[in-house]
Amino acid sequence: MPSVLAIAAHPDDIEFLMAGTMLLLKDKGWDLHYMNVADGSRGSTVLSSSDCASTRLKEARAAAEQMGATFYPPIGRDMELRYTHEMFRQIAAVVRQAKPSVLLTHAPVDYMEDHEAVCRLAVASAFAHGMPNFETMPAVDPYYEPLTVYHAQPHGNRTPMGQRVHPHFWINTESVLERKEAALGEHRSQKEWLDESQGMDSYVQTMKDLGEDSGKMSGRFTYAEGWRRREHWGFCGPDDDPLRDVLADYLAPGVSRDA
């Protein structure tokens, strides 16, 4: 059974950005793997750091279970994610455990540092998946099958400077929207935090609004998730594009990779 691994920064990032595509892959028989690198401990104005981390861990586990995904616990704290050797080795161990054919992660340029740091860590960990002389923590044997990396859209489909980001292709997520909404709904502690800190009136409605914006950008769909395929060197074959191939029935083209 092929597998997909999503590596995101915070609890609820996967549900906002990637869950629709993952659920479509699950319906095609794929195995889902789910990792938030940060513990979500700073995501509250009313809970202590430890209580917040504990609450969000339970919510993330419930969301992964809702999706039918294997859950990997966080290894860092919000706003402290950095490209360090220790974090690199730990995330590389998760990649080798999951043995994905597809790895989903954040955009290289996004609205906050944690997203960008996790993107770098995920890409490096994917690159090292078949390096026998790279030691993970804990030690996990490498695997040598191709691994294709895809980057989700940045928040709001824009760079931090406001420029629109157009993906290589769009995936129609309308058929799994209710399941995506149910998974995001497990993150109940985030309603007050996102309302107060980022002006998101209802975090579930914000997810739907972002998906609708992506759908409009696609020119074909009501709700969508956009993806950019990373170049193949060190990861997979030059023509490998499993996400596009497997979900061809749900796909609308975006910009050419040569653009």
C-alpha atoms as a PDB file:
ATOM      1  CA  MET A   1       0.000   0.000   0.000  1.00  0.00           C
ATOM      2  CA  PRO A   2       1.515   3.392  -0.946  1.00  0.00           C
ATOM      3  CA  SER A   3       1.664   6.006   1.775  1.00  0.00           C
ATOM      4  CA  VAL A   4       1.630   9.784   2.132  1.00  0.00           C
ATOM      5  CA  LEU A   5       3.246  11.692   4.997  1.00  0.00           C
ATOM      6  CA  ALA A   6       2.127  15.221   5.893  1.00  0.00           C
ATOM      7  CA  ILE A   7       4.616  17.242   7.939  1.00  0.00           C
ATOM      8  CA  ALA A   8       3.300  20.596   9.160  1.00  0.00           C
ATOM      9  CA  ALA A   9       4.243  23.098  11.835  1.00  0.00           C
ATOM     10  CA  HIS A  10       1.261  23.287  14.215  1.00  0.00           C
ATOM     11  CA  PRO A  11      -1.830  21.315  15.194  1.00  0.00           C
ATOM     12  CA  ASP A  12      -4.538  22.235  12.626  1.00  0.00           C
ATOM     13  CA  ASP A  13      -2.126  23.179   9.790  1.00  0.00           C
ATOM     14  CA  ILE A  14      -2.638  19.809   8.106  1.00  0.00           C
ATOM     15  CA  GLU A  15      -6.415  20.221   8.285  1.00  0.00           C
ATOM     16  CA  PHE A  16      -6.272  23.736   6.834  1.00  0.00           C
ATOM     17  CA  LEU A  17      -3.871  22.982   3.988  1.00  0.00           C
ATOM     18  CA  MET A  18      -3.544  19.289   3.194  1.00  0.00           C
ATOM     19  CA  ALA A  19      -6.341  17.142   4.612  1.00  0.00           C
ATOM     20  CA  GLY A  20      -8.547  17.219   1.522  1.00  0.00           C
ATOM     21  CA  THR A  21      -5.820  15.805  -0.693  1.00  0.00           C
ATOM     22  CA  MET A  22      -4.901  13.238   1.959  1.00  0.00           C
ATOM     23  CA  LEU A  23      -8.494  12.040   2.284  1.00  0.00           C
ATOM     24  CA  LEU A  24      -8.775  11.630  -1.486  1.00  0.00           C
ATOM     25  CA  LEU A  25      -5.603   9.521  -1.413  1.00  0.00           C
ATOM     26  CA  LYS A  26      -7.068   7.460   1.415  1.00  0.00           C
ATOM     27  CA  ASP A  27     -10.108   6.777  -0.730  1.00  0.00           C
ATOM     28  CA  LYS A  28      -7.689   5.490  -3.387  1.00  0.00           C
ATOM     29  CA  GLY A  29      -6.247   3.017  -0.882  1.00  0.00           C
ATOM     30  CA  TRP A  30      -3.283   5.017   0.375  1.00  0.00           C
ATOM     31  CA  ASP A  31      -1.969   4.877   3.944  1.00  0.00           C
ATOM     32  CA  LEU A  32      -1.992   8.276   5.739  1.00  0.00           C
ATOM     33  CA  HIS A  33       0.725   9.537   8.109  1.00  0.00           C
ATOM     34  CA  TYR A  34       0.390  12.775  10.109  1.00  0.00           C
ATOM     35  CA  MET A  35       2.991  14.869  11.961  1.00  0.00           C
ATOM     36  CA  ASN A  36       2.856  18.323  13.550  1.00  0.00           C
ATOM     37  CA  VAL A  37       6.380  19.368  14.526  1.00  0.00           C
ATOM     38  CA  ALA A  38       5.317  21.915  17.181  1.00  0.00           C
ATOM     39  CA  ASP A  39       3.191  21.157  20.227  1.00  0.00           C
ATOM     40  CA  GLY A  40       0.825  24.137  19.919  1.00  0.00           C
ATOM     41  CA  SER A  41       1.749  25.294  23.434  1.00  0.00           C
ATOM     42  CA  ARG A  42       1.613  29.025  22.605  1.00  0.00           C
ATOM     43  CA  GLY A  43      -1.773  28.870  20.883  1.00  0.00           C
ATOM     44  CA  SER A  44      -3.984  30.190  23.685  1.00  0.00           C
ATOM     45  CA  THR A  45      -4.763  33.348  25.617  1.00  0.00           C
ATOM     46  CA  VAL A  46      -6.449  31.486  28.478  1.00  0.00           C
ATOM     47  CA  LEU A  47      -4.550  28.196  28.982  1.00  0.00           C
ATOM     48  CA  SER A  48      -1.073  27.821  30.441  1.00  0.00           C
ATOM     49  CA  SER A  49       1.651  26.590  28.093  1.00  0.00           C
ATOM     50  CA  SER A  50       1.584  23.059  29.515  1.00  0.00           C
ATOM     51  CA  ASP A  51      -2.225  22.851  29.554  1.00  0.00           C
ATOM     52  CA  CYS A  52      -2.389  24.189  26.039  1.00  0.00           C
ATOM     53  CA  ALA A  53       0.139  21.626  24.784  1.00  0.00           C
ATOM     54  CA  SER A  54      -1.747  18.809  26.497  1.00  0.00           C
ATOM     55  CA  THR A  55      -5.085  19.947  25.098  1.00  0.00           C
ATOM     56  CA  ARG A  56      -3.815  20.374  21.582  1.00  0.00           C
ATOM     57  CA  LEU A  57      -2.050  17.008  21.617  1.00  0.00           C
ATOM     58  CA  LYS A  58      -5.378  15.329  22.393  1.00  0.00           C
ATOM     59  CA  GLU A  59      -7.091  17.339  19.667  1.00  0.00           C
ATOM     60  CA  ALA A  60      -4.432  16.510  17.072  1.00  0.00           C
ATOM     61  CA  ARG A  61      -4.606  12.803  17.904  1.00  0.00           C
ATOM     62  CA  ALA A  62      -8.392  12.940  17.533  1.00  0.00           C
ATOM     63  CA  ALA A  63      -8.078  14.728  14.182  1.00  0.00           C
ATOM     64  CA  ALA A  64      -5.594  12.142  12.896  1.00  0.00           C
ATOM     65  CA  GLU A  65      -7.917   9.376  14.060  1.00  0.00           C
ATOM     66  CA  GLN A  66     -10.825  11.124  12.339  1.00  0.00           C
ATOM     67  CA  MET A  67      -8.806  11.005   9.104  1.00  0.00           C
ATOM     68  CA  GLY A  68      -7.632   7.435   9.645  1.00  0.00           C
ATOM     69  CA  ALA A  69      -3.975   8.531   9.800  1.00  0.00           C
ATOM     70  CA  THR A  70      -1.001   7.258  11.783  1.00  0.00           C
ATOM     71  CA  PHE A  71      -0.032   9.962  14.284  1.00  0.00           C
ATOM     72  CA  TYR A  72       3.527  11.058  15.147  1.00  0.00           C
ATOM     73  CA  PRO A  73       3.959  13.261  18.242  1.00  0.00           C
ATOM     74  CA  PRO A  74       5.458  16.778  18.129  1.00  0.00           C
ATOM     75  CA  ILE A  75       9.130  17.379  18.901  1.00  0.00           C
ATOM     76  CA  GLY A  76       9.283  21.157  19.508  1.00  0.00           C
ATOM     77  CA  ARG A  77       7.423  24.239  20.722  1.00  0.00           C
ATOM     78  CA  ASP A  78       5.659  27.005  18.835  1.00  0.00           C
ATOM     79  CA  MET A  79       7.952  29.835  17.704  1.00  0.00           C
ATOM     80  CA  GLU A  80      11.044  27.766  18.548  1.00  0.00           C
ATOM     81  CA  LEU A  81      11.228  25.661  15.388  1.00  0.00           C
ATOM     82  CA  ARG A  82      14.622  25.955  13.741  1.00  0.00           C
ATOM     83  CA  TYR A  83      16.679  24.028  11.218  1.00  0.00           C
ATOM     84  CA  THR A  84      18.855  22.176  13.732  1.00  0.00           C
ATOM     85  CA  HIS A  85      20.666  18.863  13.420  1.00  0.00           C
ATOM     86  CA  GLU A  86      18.649  17.417  16.298  1.00  0.00           C
ATOM     87  CA  MET A  87      15.276  18.272  14.747  1.00  0.00           C
ATOM     88  CA  PHE A  88      16.522  17.136  11.341  1.00  0.00           C
ATOM     89  CA  ARG A  89      17.494  13.718  12.711  1.00  0.00           C
ATOM     90  CA  GLN A  90      14.160  13.280  14.518  1.00  0.00           C
ATOM     91  CA  ILE A  91      12.020  14.191  11.511  1.00  0.00           C
ATOM     92  CA  ALA A  92      14.169  12.041   9.220  1.00  0.00           C
ATOM     93  CA  ALA A  93      13.393   9.112  11.546  1.00  0.00           C
ATOM     94  CA  VAL A  94       9.661   9.733  11.050  1.00  0.00           C
ATOM     95  CA  VAL A  95      10.099   9.809   7.260  1.00  0.00           C
ATOM     96  CA  ARG A  96      11.868   6.455   7.358  1.00  0.00           C
ATOM     97  CA  GLN A  97       9.220   4.966   9.643  1.00  0.00           C
ATOM     98  CA  ALA A  98       6.379   6.100   7.402  1.00  0.00           C
ATOM     99  CA  LYS A  99       8.151   5.141   4.134  1.00  0.00           C
ATOM    100  CA  PRO A 100       6.022   7.544   2.084  1.00  0.00           C
ATOM    101  CA  SER A 101       5.889   7.738  -1.682  1.00  0.00           C
ATOM    102  CA  VAL A 102       4.606  11.317  -1.300  1.00  0.00           C
ATOM    103  CA  LEU A 103       5.577  13.914   1.299  1.00  0.00           C
ATOM    104  CA  LEU A 104       3.380  16.989   1.797  1.00  0.00           C
ATOM    105  CA  THR A 105       4.661  20.066   3.595  1.00  0.00           C
ATOM    106  CA  HIS A 106       4.446  23.847   3.808  1.00  0.00           C
ATOM    107  CA  ALA A 107       5.351  26.371   1.143  1.00  0.00           C
ATOM    108  CA  PRO A 108       9.015  27.460   1.228  1.00  0.00           C
ATOM    109  CA  VAL A 109       7.877  31.080   1.681  1.00  0.00           C
ATOM    110  CA  ASP A 110       4.940  31.559   4.022  1.00  0.00           C
ATOM    111  CA  TYR A 111       3.478  34.042   6.474  1.00  0.00           C
ATOM    112  CA  MET A 112       5.305  32.767   9.578  1.00  0.00           C
ATOM    113  CA  GLU A 113       8.753  31.449  10.445  1.00  0.00           C
ATOM    114  CA  ASP A 114       7.590  28.114  11.894  1.00  0.00           C
ATOM    115  CA  HIS A 115       6.073  27.127   8.554  1.00  0.00           C
ATOM    116  CA  GLU A 116       9.242  27.973   6.653  1.00  0.00           C
ATOM    117  CA  ALA A 117      11.471  26.164   9.172  1.00  0.00           C
ATOM    118  CA  VAL A 118       9.348  23.013   8.990  1.00  0.00           C
ATOM    119  CA  CYS A 119       9.426  23.153   5.202  1.00  0.00           C
ATOM    120  CA  ARG A 120      13.242  23.095   5.253  1.00  0.00           C
ATOM    121  CA  LEU A 121      13.332  20.297   7.819  1.00  0.00           C
ATOM    122  CA  ALA A 122      10.824  18.171   5.918  1.00  0.00           C
ATOM    123  CA  VAL A 123      12.633  18.599   2.610  1.00  0.00           C
ATOM    124  CA  ALA A 124      16.011  17.745   4.134  1.00  0.00           C
ATOM    125  CA  SER A 125      14.537  14.704   5.875  1.00  0.00           C
ATOM    126  CA  ALA A 126      13.023  13.507   2.597  1.00  0.00           C
ATOM    127  CA  PHE A 127      16.373  13.980   0.866  1.00  0.00           C
ATOM    128  CA  ALA A 128      18.068  11.811   3.507  1.00  0.00           C
ATOM    129  CA  HIS A 129      15.533   8.974   3.344  1.00  0.00           C
ATOM    130  CA  GLY A 130      17.905   6.731   1.383  1.00  0.00           C
ATOM    131  CA  MET A 131      21.235   7.812   2.921  1.00  0.00           C
ATOM    132  CA  PRO A 132      22.625   4.857   4.917  1.00  0.00           C
ATOM    133  CA  ASN A 133      25.376   7.009   6.420  1.00  0.00           C
ATOM    134  CA  PHE A 134      22.936   9.563   7.809  1.00  0.00           C
ATOM    135  CA  GLU A 135      21.926   8.564  11.318  1.00  0.00           C
ATOM    136  CA  THR A 136      18.430   9.400  12.449  1.00  0.00           C
ATOM    137  CA  MET A 137      17.229   9.784  16.034  1.00  0.00           C
ATOM    138  CA  PRO A 138      16.095   7.212  16.957  1.00  0.00           C
ATOM    139  CA  ALA A 139      17.979   5.050  14.493  1.00  0.00           C
ATOM    140  CA  VAL A 140      15.766   3.864  11.622  1.00  0.00           C
ATOM    141  CA  ASP A 141      17.007   2.035   8.545  1.00  0.00           C
ATOM    142  CA  PRO A 142      16.845   3.989   5.278  1.00  0.00           C
ATOM    143  CA  TYR A 143      14.557   3.013   2.437  1.00  0.00           C
ATOM    144  CA  TYR A 144      15.313   3.441  -1.241  1.00  0.00           C
ATOM    145  CA  GLU A 145      12.000   3.830  -3.048  1.00  0.00           C
ATOM    146  CA  PRO A 146      11.310   7.184  -4.764  1.00  0.00           C
ATOM    147  CA  LEU A 147       9.868   9.958  -2.610  1.00  0.00           C
ATOM    148  CA  THR A 148       8.209  12.943  -4.273  1.00  0.00           C
ATOM    149  CA  VAL A 149       7.866  16.191  -2.316  1.00  0.00           C
ATOM    150  CA  TYR A 150       4.958  18.618  -2.756  1.00  0.00           C
ATOM    151  CA  HIS A 151       4.502  22.060  -1.230  1.00  0.00           C
ATOM    152  CA  ALA A 152       1.098  23.322  -0.109  1.00  0.00           C
ATOM    153  CA  GLN A 153      -0.057  26.832  -0.854  1.00  0.00           C
ATOM    154  CA  PRO A 154       1.018  29.600   1.537  1.00  0.00           C
ATOM    155  CA  HIS A 155      -1.658  31.080   3.768  1.00  0.00           C
ATOM    156  CA  GLY A 156      -4.149  33.006   1.664  1.00  0.00           C
ATOM    157  CA  ASN A 157      -2.405  31.880  -1.548  1.00  0.00           C
ATOM    158  CA  ARG A 158      -0.005  34.783  -1.101  1.00  0.00           C
ATOM    159  CA  THR A 159       3.582  35.454  -0.121  1.00  0.00           C
ATOM    160  CA  PRO A 160       4.165  37.558   3.009  1.00  0.00           C
ATOM    161  CA  MET A 161       4.530  40.542   0.645  1.00  0.00           C
ATOM    162  CA  GLY A 162       1.068  39.943  -0.817  1.00  0.00           C
ATOM    163  CA  GLN A 163       1.911  38.457  -4.213  1.00  0.00           C
ATOM    164  CA  ARG A 164      -0.386  35.711  -5.439  1.00  0.00           C
ATOM    165  CA  VAL A 165       1.193  32.242  -5.566  1.00  0.00           C
ATOM    166  CA  HIS A 166      -0.026  29.970  -8.359  1.00  0.00           C
ATOM    167  CA  PRO A 167       0.543  26.232  -7.888  1.00  0.00           C
ATOM    168  CA  HIS A 168       1.468  23.622 -10.482  1.00  0.00           C
ATOM    169  CA  PHE A 169      -1.986  22.089 -10.107  1.00  0.00           C
ATOM    170  CA  TRP A 170      -5.194  22.222  -8.087  1.00  0.00           C
ATOM    171  CA  ILE A 171      -7.003  19.315  -6.437  1.00  0.00           C
ATOM    172  CA  ASN A 172     -10.792  19.429  -6.181  1.00  0.00           C
ATOM    173  CA  THR A 173     -11.633  18.838  -2.496  1.00  0.00           C
ATOM    174  CA  GLU A 174     -15.383  19.463  -2.568  1.00  0.00           C
ATOM    175  CA  SER A 175     -16.254  15.769  -2.226  1.00  0.00           C
ATOM    176  CA  VAL A 176     -14.276  15.454   1.030  1.00  0.00           C
ATOM    177  CA  LEU A 177     -15.033  18.898   2.463  1.00  0.00           C
ATOM    178  CA  GLU A 178     -17.300  17.596   5.239  1.00  0.00           C
ATOM    179  CA  ARG A 179     -14.629  15.100   6.341  1.00  0.00           C
ATOM    180  CA  LYS A 180     -11.981  17.813   6.237  1.00  0.00           C
ATOM    181  CA  GLU A 181     -14.270  20.056   8.291  1.00  0.00           C
ATOM    182  CA  ALA A 182     -14.830  17.254  10.837  1.00  0.00           C
ATOM    183  CA  ALA A 183     -11.077  16.756  11.270  1.00  0.00           C
ATOM    184  CA  LEU A 184     -10.469  20.490  11.730  1.00  0.00           C
ATOM    185  CA  GLY A 185     -13.398  20.624  14.146  1.00  0.00           C
ATOM    186  CA  GLU A 186     -11.456  18.410  16.564  1.00  0.00           C
ATOM    187  CA  HIS A 187      -9.176  21.401  17.253  1.00  0.00           C
ATOM    188  CA  ARG A 188     -11.805  23.064  19.433  1.00  0.00           C
ATOM    189  CA  SER A 189      -9.357  25.032  21.579  1.00  0.00           C
ATOM    190  CA  GLN A 190      -8.344  27.055  18.531  1.00  0.00           C
ATOM    191  CA  LYS A 191     -11.600  28.906  18.001  1.00  0.00           C
ATOM    192  CA  GLU A 192     -10.965  31.555  20.672  1.00  0.00           C
ATOM    193  CA  TRP A 193      -7.243  31.819  19.901  1.00  0.00           C
ATOM    194  CA  LEU A 194      -7.666  32.326  16.161  1.00  0.00           C
ATOM    195  CA  ASP A 195     -10.572  34.709  16.691  1.00  0.00           C
ATOM    196  CA  GLU A 196      -8.460  36.895  18.986  1.00  0.00           C
ATOM    197  CA  SER A 197      -4.969  36.589  17.524  1.00  0.00           C
ATOM    198  CA  GLN A 198      -5.570  36.471  13.774  1.00  0.00           C
ATOM    199  CA  GLY A 199      -9.088  37.757  13.212  1.00  0.00           C
ATOM    200  CA  MET A 200     -10.425  34.428  12.025  1.00  0.00           C
ATOM    201  CA  ASP A 201     -14.110  34.724  12.900  1.00  0.00           C
ATOM    202  CA  SER A 202     -14.664  30.999  12.807  1.00  0.00           C
ATOM    203  CA  TYR A 203     -11.661  28.843  12.108  1.00  0.00           C
ATOM    204  CA  VAL A 204     -13.763  26.258  10.261  1.00  0.00           C
ATOM    205  CA  GLN A 205     -15.343  28.967   8.113  1.00  0.00           C
ATOM    206  CA  THR A 206     -11.882  30.418   7.480  1.00  0.00           C
ATOM    207  CA  MET A 207     -10.730  27.014   6.192  1.00  0.00           C
ATOM    208  CA  LYS A 208     -13.718  26.920   3.853  1.00  0.00           C
ATOM    209  CA  ASP A 209     -13.077  30.500   2.710  1.00  0.00           C
ATOM    210  CA  LEU A 210      -9.451  29.662   1.911  1.00  0.00           C
ATOM    211  CA  GLY A 211     -10.554  26.562   0.007  1.00  0.00           C
ATOM    212  CA  GLU A 212     -13.115  28.618  -1.886  1.00  0.00           C
ATOM    213  CA  ASP A 213     -10.470  31.186  -2.829  1.00  0.00           C
ATOM    214  CA  SER A 214      -8.329  28.352  -4.155  1.00  0.00           C
ATOM    215  CA  GLY A 215     -11.314  27.002  -6.057  1.00  0.00           C
ATOM    216  CA  LYS A 216     -11.838  30.358  -7.731  1.00  0.00           C
ATOM    217  CA  MET A 217      -8.149  30.551  -8.641  1.00  0.00           C
ATOM    218  CA  SER A 218      -8.397  27.113 -10.261  1.00  0.00           C
ATOM    219  CA  GLY A 219     -11.126  28.369 -12.579  1.00  0.00           C
ATOM    220  CA  ARG A 220     -12.935  25.024 -12.262  1.00  0.00           C
ATOM    221  CA  PHE A 221     -13.661  24.005  -8.692  1.00  0.00           C
ATOM    222  CA  THR A 222     -15.722  25.283  -5.774  1.00  0.00           C
ATOM    223  CA  TYR A 223     -13.138  24.187  -3.176  1.00  0.00           C
ATOM    224  CA  ALA A 224      -9.545  23.230  -3.872  1.00  0.00           C
ATOM    225  CA  GLU A 225      -6.053  22.679  -2.500  1.00  0.00           C
ATOM    226  CA  GLY A 226      -3.041  23.728  -4.566  1.00  0.00           C
ATOM    227  CA  TRP A 227       0.291  21.931  -4.855  1.00  0.00           C
ATOM    228  CA  ARG A 228       3.737  22.601  -6.235  1.00  0.00           C
ATOM    229  CA  ARG A 229       5.994  19.621  -6.948  1.00  0.00           C
ATOM    230  CA  ARG A 230       9.592  20.028  -5.824  1.00  0.00           C
ATOM    231  CA  GLU A 231      12.273  19.225  -8.375  1.00  0.00           C
ATOM    232  CA  HIS A 232      13.278  15.572  -8.409  1.00  0.00           C
ATOM    233  CA  TRP A 233      17.038  15.682  -7.774  1.00  0.00           C
ATOM    234  CA  GLY A 234      17.865  13.447  -4.815  1.00  0.00           C
ATOM    235  CA  PHE A 235      14.243  12.467  -4.225  1.00  0.00           C
ATOM    236  CA  CYS A 236      12.698  10.590  -7.137  1.00  0.00           C
ATOM    237  CA  GLY A 237      12.754  10.113 -10.894  1.00  0.00           C
ATOM    238  CA  PRO A 238      12.542  13.140 -13.214  1.00  0.00           C
ATOM    239  CA  ASP A 239       9.076  12.169 -14.412  1.00  0.00           C
ATOM    240  CA  ASP A 240       7.668  10.971 -11.084  1.00  0.00           C
ATOM    241  CA  ASP A 241       4.513  12.916 -10.219  1.00  0.00           C
ATOM    242  CA  PRO A 242       2.364  10.493  -8.203  1.00  0.00           C
ATOM    243  CA  LEU A 243      -0.028  13.062  -6.753  1.00  0.00           C
ATOM    244  CA  ARG A 244      -0.951  14.304 -10.211  1.00  0.00           C
ATOM    245  CA  ASP A 245      -1.192  10.747 -11.555  1.00  0.00           C
ATOM    246  CA  VAL A 246      -3.276   9.187  -8.762  1.00  0.00           C
ATOM    247  CA  LEU A 247      -5.683  12.131  -8.405  1.00  0.00           C
ATOM    248  CA  ALA A 248      -5.954  12.946 -12.108  1.00  0.00           C
ATOM    249  CA  ASP A 249      -9.769  12.822 -11.916  1.00  0.00           C
ATOM    250  CA  TYR A 250      -9.721  15.648  -9.330  1.00  0.00           C
ATOM    251  CA  LEU A 251      -7.085  17.827 -10.972  1.00  0.00           C
ATOM    252  CA  ALA A 252      -6.986  21.179 -12.718  1.00  0.00           C
ATOM    253  CA  PRO A 253      -3.654  22.438 -14.100  1.00  0.00           C
ATOM    254  CA  GLY A 254      -2.031  25.532 -12.640  1.00  0.00           C
ATOM    255  CA  VAL A 255       1.242  27.016 -13.860  1.00  0.00           C
ATOM    256  CA  SER A 256       3.880  25.028 -15.680  1.00  0.00           C
ATOM    257  CA  ARG A 257       6.910  23.966 -13.657  1.00  0.00           C
ATOM    258  CA  ASP A 258       8.946  25.643 -16.389  1.00  0.00           C
ATOM    259  CA  ALA A 259       7.179  28.968 -15.888  1.00  0.00           C
END
